[in-house]
C-alpha atoms as a PDB file:
ATOM      1  CA  MET A   1       0.000   0.000   0.000  1.00  0.00           C
ATOM      2  CA  PHE A   2       1.229   3.519  -0.886  1.00  0.00           C
ATOM      3  CA  ARG A   3       1.165   6.269   1.747  1.00  0.00           C
ATOM      4  CA  LEU A   4       1.864   9.934   1.157  1.00  0.00           C
ATOM      5  CA  THR A   5       3.788  11.679   3.855  1.00  0.00           C
ATOM      6  CA  ALA A   6       3.283  15.343   4.706  1.00  0.00           C
ATOM      7  CA  SER A   7       6.675  16.234   3.203  1.00  0.00           C
ATOM      8  CA  CYS A   8       5.832  14.395  -0.044  1.00  0.00           C
ATOM      9  CA  ILE A   9       2.495  16.219  -0.276  1.00  0.00           C
ATOM     10  CA  SER A  10       4.250  19.561   0.343  1.00  0.00           C
ATOM     11  CA  LEU A  11       6.839  18.819  -2.334  1.00  0.00           C
ATOM     12  CA  CYS A  12       4.138  17.806  -4.839  1.00  0.00           C
ATOM     13  CA  ALA A  13       2.180  20.992  -4.108  1.00  0.00           C
ATOM     14  CA  LEU A  14       5.311  23.098  -4.549  1.00  0.00           C
ATOM     15  CA  LEU A  15       6.125  21.440  -7.891  1.00  0.00           C
ATOM     16  CA  ALA A  16       2.542  21.782  -9.106  1.00  0.00           C
ATOM     17  CA  ALA A  17       2.606  25.496  -8.297  1.00  0.00           C
ATOM     18  CA  ALA A  18       5.986  25.995  -9.985  1.00  0.00           C
ATOM     19  CA  LEU A  19       5.205  24.203 -13.263  1.00  0.00           C
ATOM     20  CA  PRO A  20       2.702  26.758 -14.633  1.00  0.00           C
ATOM     21  CA  ALA A  21       5.065  29.590 -13.695  1.00  0.00           C
ATOM     22  CA  MET A  22       7.972  27.837 -15.431  1.00  0.00           C
ATOM     23  CA  ALA A  23       5.844  27.291 -18.543  1.00  0.00           C
ATOM     24  CA  ASP A  24       5.160  31.037 -18.726  1.00  0.00           C
ATOM     25  CA  GLU A  25       8.826  32.081 -18.518  1.00  0.00           C
ATOM     26  CA  LEU A  26      10.243  33.709 -21.613  1.00  0.00           C
ATOM     27  CA  PRO A  27      13.008  32.117 -23.690  1.00  0.00           C
ATOM     28  CA  ASP A  28      16.224  33.979 -24.494  1.00  0.00           C
ATOM     29  CA  PRO A  29      16.415  36.541 -27.319  1.00  0.00           C
ATOM     30  CA  ARG A  30      17.862  35.195 -30.552  1.00  0.00           C
ATOM     31  CA  THR A  31      18.599  35.845 -34.198  1.00  0.00           C
ATOM     32  CA  VAL A  32      16.764  34.003 -36.967  1.00  0.00           C
ATOM     33  CA  SER A  33      18.162  34.058 -40.489  1.00  0.00           C
ATOM     34  CA  TYR A  34      16.880  33.172 -43.927  1.00  0.00           C
ATOM     35  CA  ALA A  35      19.436  32.363 -46.642  1.00  0.00           C
ATOM     36  CA  PHE A  36      18.315  32.927 -50.238  1.00  0.00           C
ATOM     37  CA  ARG A  37      20.344  30.976 -52.792  1.00  0.00           C
ATOM     38  CA  VAL A  38      21.241  31.696 -56.410  1.00  0.00           C
ATOM     39  CA  THR A  39      19.357  28.514 -57.352  1.00  0.00           C
ATOM     40  CA  PRO A  40      16.714  28.217 -54.609  1.00  0.00           C
ATOM     41  CA  THR A  41      15.991  24.506 -55.074  1.00  0.00           C
ATOM     42  CA  ASN A  42      19.701  23.548 -54.931  1.00  0.00           C
ATOM     43  CA  GLN A  43      20.932  23.531 -51.350  1.00  0.00           C
ATOM     44  CA  ASN A  44      24.548  23.500 -52.590  1.00  0.00           C
ATOM     45  CA  SER A  45      24.047  26.700 -54.587  1.00  0.00           C
ATOM     46  CA  ALA A  46      25.782  29.872 -53.407  1.00  0.00           C
ATOM     47  CA  VAL A  47      23.888  32.092 -50.977  1.00  0.00           C
ATOM     48  CA  LYS A  48      22.967  35.381 -52.655  1.00  0.00           C
ATOM     49  CA  LEU A  49      21.285  37.252 -49.789  1.00  0.00           C
ATOM     50  CA  VAL A  50      20.709  36.678 -46.068  1.00  0.00           C
ATOM     51  CA  ALA A  51      17.936  38.260 -44.010  1.00  0.00           C
ATOM     52  CA  GLU A  52      18.578  38.250 -40.242  1.00  0.00           C
ATOM     53  CA  LEU A  53      15.945  39.106 -37.672  1.00  0.00           C
ATOM     54  CA  ALA A  54      17.024  39.974 -34.114  1.00  0.00           C
ATOM     55  CA  ILE A  55      14.037  38.900 -32.022  1.00  0.00           C
ATOM     56  CA  VAL A  56      13.115  39.300 -28.368  1.00  0.00           C
ATOM     57  CA  PRO A  57      10.341  37.378 -26.594  1.00  0.00           C
ATOM     58  CA  VAL A  58       7.771  39.615 -24.941  1.00  0.00           C
ATOM     59  CA  ASP A  59       4.897  37.281 -24.040  1.00  0.00           C
ATOM     60  CA  VAL A  60       4.087  33.596 -23.794  1.00  0.00           C
ATOM     61  CA  ASP A  61       0.692  31.901 -23.975  1.00  0.00           C
ATOM     62  CA  HIS A  62       1.050  28.175 -23.311  1.00  0.00           C
ATOM     63  CA  TYR A  63       3.060  27.005 -26.329  1.00  0.00           C
ATOM     64  CA  GLU A  64       3.030  30.249 -28.291  1.00  0.00           C
ATOM     65  CA  VAL A  65       5.641  32.944 -27.831  1.00  0.00           C
ATOM     66  CA  ALA A  66       5.197  36.522 -29.015  1.00  0.00           C
ATOM     67  CA  TRP A  67       8.449  37.779 -30.519  1.00  0.00           C
ATOM     68  CA  ARG A  68       9.249  41.448 -31.133  1.00  0.00           C
ATOM     69  CA  ILE A  69      11.551  42.038 -34.096  1.00  0.00           C
ATOM     70  CA  ASP A  70      14.064  44.601 -32.863  1.00  0.00           C
ATOM     71  CA  GLN A  71      16.171  44.716 -35.992  1.00  0.00           C
ATOM     72  CA  ALA A  72      16.347  43.302 -39.516  1.00  0.00           C
ATOM     73  CA  THR A  73      19.645  43.117 -41.382  1.00  0.00           C
ATOM     74  CA  PHE A  74      19.949  42.198 -45.045  1.00  0.00           C
ATOM     75  CA  THR A  75      23.325  41.197 -46.483  1.00  0.00           C
ATOM     76  CA  GLU A  76      24.104  40.663 -50.160  1.00  0.00           C
ATOM     77  CA  LEU A  77      26.917  38.151 -50.750  1.00  0.00           C
ATOM     78  CA  ASP A  78      29.214  37.423 -53.670  1.00  0.00           C
ATOM     79  CA  THR A  79      29.510  33.876 -55.067  1.00  0.00           C
ATOM     80  CA  ASN A  80      32.257  33.079 -52.533  1.00  0.00           C
ATOM     81  CA  GLY A  81      30.069  34.090 -49.589  1.00  0.00           C
ATOM     82  CA  ALA A  82      31.830  37.389 -48.866  1.00  0.00           C
ATOM     83  CA  PRO A  83      29.593  40.345 -47.986  1.00  0.00           C
ATOM     84  CA  LEU A  84      29.136  42.879 -50.784  1.00  0.00           C
ATOM     85  CA  ARG A  85      26.863  45.302 -48.958  1.00  0.00           C
ATOM     86  CA  SER A  86      24.327  45.341 -46.145  1.00  0.00           C
ATOM     87  CA  TRP A  87      21.285  47.224 -44.897  1.00  0.00           C
ATOM     88  CA  THR A  88      19.674  47.559 -41.482  1.00  0.00           C
ATOM     89  CA  VAL A  89      16.292  48.631 -40.182  1.00  0.00           C
ATOM     90  CA  ASP A  90      15.437  48.991 -36.488  1.00  0.00           C
ATOM     91  CA  SER A  91      11.963  47.910 -35.370  1.00  0.00           C
ATOM     92  CA  PRO A  92      10.765  46.884 -38.838  1.00  0.00           C
ATOM     93  CA  ASP A  93       7.064  47.177 -39.555  1.00  0.00           C
ATOM     94  CA  VAL A  94       5.441  43.810 -38.747  1.00  0.00           C
ATOM     95  CA  ASP A  95       2.081  43.345 -40.444  1.00  0.00           C
ATOM     96  CA  THR A  96       0.180  41.815 -37.503  1.00  0.00           C
ATOM     97  CA  PRO A  97      -2.463  43.435 -35.286  1.00  0.00           C
ATOM     98  CA  ASP A  98      -0.130  43.658 -32.273  1.00  0.00           C
ATOM     99  CA  ARG A  99       3.094  44.107 -34.341  1.00  0.00           C
ATOM    100  CA  LEU A 100       4.417  40.872 -32.812  1.00  0.00           C
ATOM    101  CA  TRP A 101       5.364  37.550 -34.385  1.00  0.00           C
ATOM    102  CA  TRP A 102       3.510  34.752 -32.579  1.00  0.00           C
ATOM    103  CA  VAL A 103       5.271  31.395 -33.003  1.00  0.00           C
ATOM    104  CA  ALA A 104       4.111  28.003 -31.717  1.00  0.00           C
ATOM    105  CA  HIS A 105       6.905  26.016 -30.041  1.00  0.00           C
ATOM    106  CA  VAL A 106       6.977  22.416 -28.835  1.00  0.00           C
ATOM    107  CA  ASP A 107       9.056  23.704 -25.908  1.00  0.00           C
ATOM    108  CA  PRO A 108       8.739  27.491 -25.465  1.00  0.00           C
ATOM    109  CA  GLN A 109      11.895  27.514 -23.316  1.00  0.00           C
ATOM    110  CA  SER A 110      13.954  25.930 -26.114  1.00  0.00           C
ATOM    111  CA  PRO A 111      12.559  27.068 -29.465  1.00  0.00           C
ATOM    112  CA  ALA A 112      13.699  24.947 -32.405  1.00  0.00           C
ATOM    113  CA  ILE A 113      14.987  26.792 -35.453  1.00  0.00           C
ATOM    114  CA  ASN A 114      12.540  25.063 -37.806  1.00  0.00           C
ATOM    115  CA  GLU A 115       9.664  26.555 -35.786  1.00  0.00           C
ATOM    116  CA  PHE A 116      10.552  29.947 -37.308  1.00  0.00           C
ATOM    117  CA  ALA A 117       9.746  28.770 -40.858  1.00  0.00           C
ATOM    118  CA  SER A 118       6.775  31.150 -41.262  1.00  0.00           C
ATOM    119  CA  PRO A 119       7.943  34.718 -40.829  1.00  0.00           C
ATOM    120  CA  PRO A 120       5.342  37.471 -40.585  1.00  0.00           C
ATOM    121  CA  ASP A 121       4.815  39.883 -43.460  1.00  0.00           C
ATOM    122  CA  LEU A 122       7.606  42.460 -43.408  1.00  0.00           C
ATOM    123  CA  ALA A 123       7.989  45.350 -45.835  1.00  0.00           C
ATOM    124  CA  GLY A 124       9.740  48.693 -45.821  1.00  0.00           C
ATOM    125  CA  VAL A 125      13.033  50.418 -46.497  1.00  0.00           C
ATOM    126  CA  ALA A 126      16.318  49.505 -44.798  1.00  0.00           C
ATOM    127  CA  GLU A 127      19.176  52.004 -44.624  1.00  0.00           C
ATOM    128  CA  ALA A 128      22.452  51.099 -46.277  1.00  0.00           C
ATOM    129  CA  ASP A 129      25.196  50.415 -43.735  1.00  0.00           C
ATOM    130  CA  ASP A 130      27.642  52.121 -46.120  1.00  0.00           C
ATOM    131  CA  THR A 131      26.440  55.629 -46.982  1.00  0.00           C
ATOM    132  CA  GLN A 132      27.832  55.168 -50.510  1.00  0.00           C
ATOM    133  CA  ASP A 133      25.222  52.443 -51.207  1.00  0.00           C
ATOM    134  CA  PRO A 134      21.528  53.022 -51.964  1.00  0.00           C
ATOM    135  CA  ASP A 135      18.913  52.003 -49.400  1.00  0.00           C
ATOM    136  CA  LEU A 136      17.041  48.717 -49.805  1.00  0.00           C
ATOM    137  CA  GLU A 137      13.329  48.213 -50.371  1.00  0.00           C
ATOM    138  CA  TYR A 138      12.345  44.852 -48.931  1.00  0.00           C
ATOM    139  CA  SER A 139       9.269  42.687 -48.742  1.00  0.00           C
ATOM    140  CA  LEU A 140       9.100  39.166 -47.392  1.00  0.00           C
ATOM    141  CA  SER A 141       6.346  36.867 -46.217  1.00  0.00           C
ATOM    142  CA  ALA A 142       5.751  33.189 -45.563  1.00  0.00           C
ATOM    143  CA  GLY A 143       4.802  31.191 -48.601  1.00  0.00           C
ATOM    144  CA  THR A 144       3.693  27.648 -49.285  1.00  0.00           C
ATOM    145  CA  LEU A 145       6.457  25.063 -49.273  1.00  0.00           C
ATOM    146  CA  ASP A 146       6.435  22.545 -52.106  1.00  0.00           C
ATOM    147  CA  PRO A 147       6.421  19.042 -50.537  1.00  0.00           C
ATOM    148  CA  ALA A 148       9.506  18.170 -52.637  1.00  0.00           C
ATOM    149  CA  HIS A 149      11.514  20.762 -50.632  1.00  0.00           C
ATOM    150  CA  GLN A 150      10.404  19.928 -47.083  1.00  0.00           C
ATOM    151  CA  ASN A 151      13.578  18.002 -46.225  1.00  0.00           C
ATOM    152  CA  MET A 152      16.059  20.535 -47.548  1.00  0.00           C
ATOM    153  CA  TYR A 153      18.576  21.847 -44.986  1.00  0.00           C
ATOM    154  CA  SER A 154      17.715  18.980 -42.608  1.00  0.00           C
ATOM    155  CA  GLY A 155      14.151  20.314 -42.362  1.00  0.00           C
ATOM    156  CA  ASN A 156      15.225  23.867 -41.491  1.00  0.00           C
ATOM    157  CA  VAL A 157      13.512  25.255 -44.555  1.00  0.00           C
ATOM    158  CA  ALA A 158      10.917  27.945 -45.171  1.00  0.00           C
ATOM    159  CA  ALA A 159       9.011  28.935 -48.274  1.00  0.00           C
ATOM    160  CA  ILE A 160       9.278  32.680 -48.625  1.00  0.00           C
ATOM    161  CA  THR A 161       7.894  35.153 -51.098  1.00  0.00           C
ATOM    162  CA  HIS A 162      10.330  38.067 -51.257  1.00  0.00           C
ATOM    163  CA  VAL A 163      11.581  41.053 -53.196  1.00  0.00           C
ATOM    164  CA  PHE A 164      14.769  42.975 -52.394  1.00  0.00           C
ATOM    165  CA  SER A 165      15.540  46.031 -54.562  1.00  0.00           C
ATOM    166  CA  GLU A 166      17.739  49.082 -54.411  1.00  0.00           C
ATOM    167  CA  TYR A 167      15.517  51.981 -53.373  1.00  0.00           C
ATOM    168  CA  GLY A 168      13.731  53.429 -56.409  1.00  0.00           C
ATOM    169  CA  GLU A 169      14.934  50.723 -58.813  1.00  0.00           C
ATOM    170  CA  GLU A 170      12.571  48.350 -60.600  1.00  0.00           C
ATOM    171  CA  GLU A 171      15.098  45.556 -61.176  1.00  0.00           C
ATOM    172  CA  PRO A 172      15.352  43.494 -57.955  1.00  0.00           C
ATOM    173  CA  ILE A 173      18.590  42.281 -56.409  1.00  0.00           C
ATOM    174  CA  GLU A 174      16.737  39.127 -55.373  1.00  0.00           C
ATOM    175  CA  GLU A 175      13.138  37.973 -55.669  1.00  0.00           C
ATOM    176  CA  GLY A 176      11.144  34.793 -55.453  1.00  0.00           C
ATOM    177  CA  ASN A 177       7.686  33.377 -54.961  1.00  0.00           C
ATOM    178  CA  ASP A 178       7.291  30.492 -52.490  1.00  0.00           C
ATOM    179  CA  GLU A 179      10.997  29.725 -52.820  1.00  0.00           C
ATOM    180  CA  PRO A 180      12.777  27.506 -50.291  1.00  0.00           C
ATOM    181  CA  ALA A 181      15.145  29.382 -48.001  1.00  0.00           C
ATOM    182  CA  GLU A 182      17.391  27.926 -45.321  1.00  0.00           C
ATOM    183  CA  VAL A 183      16.352  28.880 -41.799  1.00  0.00           C
ATOM    184  CA  GLY A 184      19.225  29.398 -39.377  1.00  0.00           C
ATOM    185  CA  GLY A 185      20.027  31.082 -36.126  1.00  0.00           C
END
């Protein structure tokens, strides 16, 4: 027969009270990146442009975390992976009602990188980091991933519709519709 002692009951009550509080703790800030390749469906193709989002958790609701995007950085690379030029925007405009990016996580305390495969709609102008370069008009949003691409990059893949252009220019530096991009961070 099993008997609960007073100390065991106290310990169980303490753990039961702590678990909901632990579940509502915020994870650490992080950076999420999306790598756009010269040939999007070839994961060995050179990376042409990288979009990095510096994100900070601000709220948690069970398994969903609300992330604030503090900064977006876009870097154009040459075929050897060396940076050609870059652009930055602080507090980019997030097209959601609360301006936050709500992401469902299996474990909110340890978000997996593949859980960031659906970025919110982002659009605007990023300032060139080198004043000699033109600013960048950017637009990116989650797309629909073709089932044939779901296992690219060990499953750390997103389908993204995007356009990156020098400010005022019609010809884009990089664009794609529902193209696979490697998610990193």
